[in-house]
């Protein structure tokens, strides 16, 4: 786990917003929200690994 509480909440909310926009605009770019949603739910972000970055305690 390397995604903390606030980071997790932001990822889930932004993921839902981006997915909703994609559905509304009928645009496949909204599928990018799935990545944010997934990393928020599993509390792990592979992009943080190379930098040793963690937002959890």
Protein backbone atom coordinates (compact mmCIF):
# COMPACT_ATOMS: atom_id res chain seq x y z
CA UNK A 1 0.00 0.00 0.00
CA UNK A 2 1.34 3.39 -0.94
CA UNK A 3 -1.86 5.44 -1.35
CA UNK A 4 -3.18 7.13 1.80
CA UNK A 5 -6.65 8.24 2.84
CA UNK A 6 -6.87 11.70 1.29
CA UNK A 7 -5.07 10.58 -1.88
CA UNK A 8 -7.42 7.60 -2.12
CA UNK A 9 -10.52 9.76 -1.77
CA UNK A 10 -9.31 12.22 -4.41
CA UNK A 11 -8.48 9.39 -6.83
CA UNK A 12 -11.92 7.80 -6.43
CA UNK A 13 -13.80 11.08 -6.84
CA UNK A 14 -11.73 12.20 -9.85
CA UNK A 15 -12.02 8.74 -11.39
CA UNK A 16 -15.81 8.87 -11.15
CA UNK A 17 -15.89 12.41 -12.57
CA UNK A 18 -13.68 11.49 -15.53
CA UNK A 19 -15.68 8.34 -16.27
CA UNK A 20 -18.94 10.31 -16.07
CA UNK A 21 -17.57 12.96 -18.41
CA UNK A 22 -16.48 10.26 -20.85
CA UNK A 23 -19.95 8.76 -20.88
CA UNK A 24 -21.60 12.17 -21.25
CA UNK A 25 -19.23 13.28 -24.03
CA UNK A 26 -19.22 9.82 -25.66
CA UNK A 27 -15.43 9.95 -25.57
CA UNK A 28 -13.05 7.05 -24.88
CA UNK A 29 -10.72 9.32 -22.91
CA UNK A 30 -13.15 8.91 -20.03
CA UNK A 31 -11.82 5.37 -19.68
CA UNK A 32 -8.69 6.90 -18.13
CA UNK A 33 -10.79 7.40 -15.00
CA UNK A 34 -10.75 3.64 -14.52
CA UNK A 35 -7.05 3.84 -13.69
CA UNK A 36 -7.66 6.40 -10.94
CA UNK A 37 -10.60 4.41 -9.63
CA UNK A 38 -8.64 1.17 -9.58
CA UNK A 39 -5.58 2.65 -7.84
CA UNK A 40 -7.88 4.30 -5.30
CA UNK A 41 -9.65 1.05 -4.46
CA UNK A 42 -6.57 -1.16 -4.25
CA UNK A 43 -4.56 1.60 -2.48
CA UNK A 44 -1.47 0.99 -4.62
CA UNK A 45 -0.04 3.18 -7.37
CA UNK A 46 2.76 1.75 -9.53
CA UNK A 47 3.85 5.27 -10.58
CA UNK A 48 4.90 5.96 -6.96
CA UNK A 49 7.36 3.02 -6.87
CA UNK A 50 10.34 4.48 -8.80
CA UNK A 51 10.27 7.57 -6.60
CA UNK A 52 9.68 5.78 -3.28
CA UNK A 53 6.70 8.04 -2.73
CA UNK A 54 3.96 7.11 -0.21
CA UNK A 55 0.93 9.06 0.95
CA UNK A 56 0.00 6.60 3.68
CA UNK A 57 1.49 6.45 7.16
